[in-house]
Every structure is written in C-alpha cells, then in structure tokens.
Amino acid sequence: MPVKEDKVRENRIIMDIVVDAYNETERAMGWFYYLQDNIKFPFRAKCIQKKASSPLEKGEEVEVLDMASEDDCEHEMLVMVSWENRNFAVPLVQLEPVKVNTKTKEAIEDWHYWIKRGYAF
C-alpha cells in the first residue's frame, strides 16, 4: 500500500531529482546523480526486507561502499556493499541506514518514498 503523500518530498523530487526528465532513462539518471551527490559513503546499513535479487536476510548489517555503476542503475537504484568478504550490488530500497548524516538519511528516505508511492522510472 502506498504511503501518504508528502508535499515537501514530492516538491524536492519533482524540482530537484526528476526535473527535465522526459523518459525512463532520464528519470533513472536523475535519481542516480541525486543519490550519488547526497549520500556520504561509506556507511553502515541494515537489511529491512528480503529481495530475490539479493543474498541479504532481514536484519543483517552491511557496509555500503558506493553507488553501483550508472549502467547498473538504469532500472533500479543499486548500491555496492561489503558483506562476508565480498563486494556486490544490492537494491537500495532493501537497506536502512544506521547512524548517517541528515543529507544521507533524507536522500535514502526520498528513494524509499518514491518506491513506496508506486512511482517508476
């Protein structure tokens, strides 16, 4: 079920993130650059949901190293994580940051909001 509309967040998304984005690729790149510019890497995060595309289990913690490549983020925002001596990409929506700065928290919450509202690229 989608979350309640947040007018401040909606305005930020429309005016700062997907502004001038006329197709899926442009919207994806808007999100990619917004997240890359506003998230301070590395940071710790907790897995908040299981995804078929990820080996992480709910409750596990990982070190988030960086955004995955632009090409890898054309359909979903992925981040590179370090877990059990391996580095790989997982969906950002699967993670909740642990003790991060305000800008990082807001950017990740913006992405989670976008997904929970049912929006797409």
Protein backbone atom coordinates (compact mmCIF):
# COMPACT_ATOMS: atom_id res chain seq x y z
CA MET A 1 0.00 0.00 0.00
CA PRO A 2 1.46 3.39 -0.99
CA VAL A 3 2.48 5.85 1.71
CA LYS A 4 0.69 9.13 2.31
CA GLU A 5 1.74 11.99 0.05
CA ASP A 6 4.46 14.24 1.49
CA LYS A 7 4.24 17.59 -0.32
CA VAL A 8 7.75 18.74 0.69
CA ARG A 9 9.30 15.49 -0.52
CA GLU A 10 7.16 15.50 -3.69
CA ASN A 11 8.35 19.03 -4.47
CA ARG A 12 12.02 18.07 -3.94
CA ILE A 13 11.64 15.02 -6.17
CA ILE A 14 9.88 16.94 -8.95
CA MET A 15 12.04 20.08 -8.80
CA ASP A 16 15.46 18.60 -7.96
CA ILE A 17 15.58 14.94 -8.96
CA VAL A 18 13.40 14.21 -11.98
CA VAL A 19 13.19 17.80 -13.28
CA ASP A 20 13.52 17.87 -17.08
CA ALA A 21 13.41 14.05 -17.22
CA TYR A 22 11.22 13.03 -20.14
CA ASN A 23 11.76 9.28 -20.23
CA GLU A 24 12.70 6.33 -18.01
CA THR A 25 16.43 6.62 -18.63
CA GLU A 26 16.49 10.33 -17.76
CA ARG A 27 14.49 9.74 -14.57
CA ALA A 28 16.83 6.91 -13.56
CA MET A 29 19.87 9.10 -14.15
CA GLY A 30 18.27 11.95 -12.20
CA TRP A 31 17.89 9.61 -9.24
CA PHE A 32 21.38 8.17 -9.70
CA TYR A 33 23.08 11.57 -9.61
CA TYR A 34 20.89 12.86 -6.78
CA LEU A 35 21.75 9.86 -4.62
CA GLN A 36 25.42 9.91 -5.59
CA ASP A 37 25.67 13.62 -4.75
CA ASN A 38 23.77 13.46 -1.46
CA ILE A 39 24.82 10.18 0.16
CA LYS A 40 28.06 10.21 2.12
CA PHE A 41 29.75 6.87 1.55
CA PRO A 42 30.70 4.57 3.17
CA PHE A 43 28.03 3.95 5.80
CA ARG A 44 26.50 1.05 7.71
CA ALA A 45 23.03 -0.16 6.80
CA LYS A 46 20.59 -2.81 7.96
CA CYS A 47 18.63 -5.03 5.60
CA ILE A 48 14.95 -4.23 6.08
CA GLN A 49 13.46 -6.60 3.52
CA LYS A 50 14.40 -9.76 1.68
CA LYS A 51 14.71 -9.48 -2.11
CA ALA A 52 15.10 -12.34 -4.58
CA SER A 53 17.91 -10.41 -6.27
CA SER A 54 20.00 -10.19 -3.07
CA PRO A 55 21.52 -12.71 -0.65
CA LEU A 56 20.89 -10.45 2.35
CA GLU A 57 18.45 -11.53 5.03
CA LYS A 58 16.29 -9.13 7.00
CA GLY A 59 18.24 -7.75 9.98
CA GLU A 60 21.73 -8.30 8.58
CA GLU A 61 24.10 -5.33 8.51
CA VAL A 62 26.41 -4.37 5.68
CA GLU A 63 28.91 -1.65 4.83
CA VAL A 64 27.59 0.40 1.90
CA LEU A 65 30.57 1.46 -0.20
CA ASP A 66 29.18 3.47 -3.12
CA MET A 67 26.52 3.60 -5.80
CA ALA A 68 26.69 0.79 -8.36
CA SER A 69 27.57 1.94 -11.89
CA GLU A 70 25.22 4.15 -13.93
CA ASP A 71 24.54 1.22 -16.26
CA ASP A 72 23.55 -0.99 -13.32
CA CYS A 73 21.12 1.68 -12.08
CA GLU A 74 19.05 2.12 -15.25
CA HIS A 75 16.09 0.19 -13.80
CA GLU A 76 16.67 0.21 -10.03
CA MET A 77 18.95 2.11 -7.68
CA LEU A 78 21.67 -0.29 -6.58
CA VAL A 79 24.50 0.25 -4.11
CA MET A 80 27.76 -1.62 -3.70
CA VAL A 81 28.06 -3.36 -0.33
CA SER A 82 30.73 -5.28 1.51
CA TRP A 83 29.39 -8.41 3.16
CA GLU A 84 31.06 -11.67 4.19
CA ASN A 85 34.34 -10.70 2.48
CA ARG A 86 32.61 -9.98 -0.84
CA ASN A 87 31.56 -6.81 -2.64
CA PHE A 88 28.39 -6.79 -4.76
CA ALA A 89 25.36 -4.65 -5.62
CA VAL A 90 22.01 -4.77 -3.83
CA PRO A 91 18.84 -2.68 -4.20
CA LEU A 92 18.99 0.49 -2.11
CA VAL A 93 15.32 0.01 -1.17
CA GLN A 94 16.40 -3.09 0.74
CA LEU A 95 18.57 -1.06 3.13
CA GLU A 96 18.02 1.32 6.02
CA PRO A 97 21.00 3.47 7.01
CA VAL A 98 22.45 3.25 10.51
CA LYS A 99 23.78 6.48 12.09
CA VAL A 100 24.25 8.63 8.99
CA ASN A 101 24.22 12.39 8.43
CA THR A 102 20.97 14.22 7.74
CA LYS A 103 21.58 14.63 4.00
CA THR A 104 22.28 10.90 3.53
CA LYS A 105 19.21 9.92 5.55
CA GLU A 106 16.98 12.29 3.59
CA ALA A 107 18.25 11.07 0.19
CA ILE A 108 17.69 7.42 1.06
CA GLU A 109 14.26 8.19 2.53
CA ASP A 110 13.41 10.06 -0.69
CA TRP A 111 14.20 6.92 -2.70
CA HIS A 112 12.20 4.69 -0.32
CA TYR A 113 9.29 7.14 -0.56
CA TRP A 114 9.41 7.10 -4.39
CA ILE A 115 9.22 3.31 -4.40
CA LYS A 116 6.52 3.07 -1.71
CA ARG A 117 4.36 5.58 -3.61
CA GLY A 118 4.46 3.19 -6.57
CA TYR A 119 6.33 5.55 -8.86
CA ALA A 120 8.57 4.19 -11.58
CA PHE A 121 11.19 5.42 -13.98
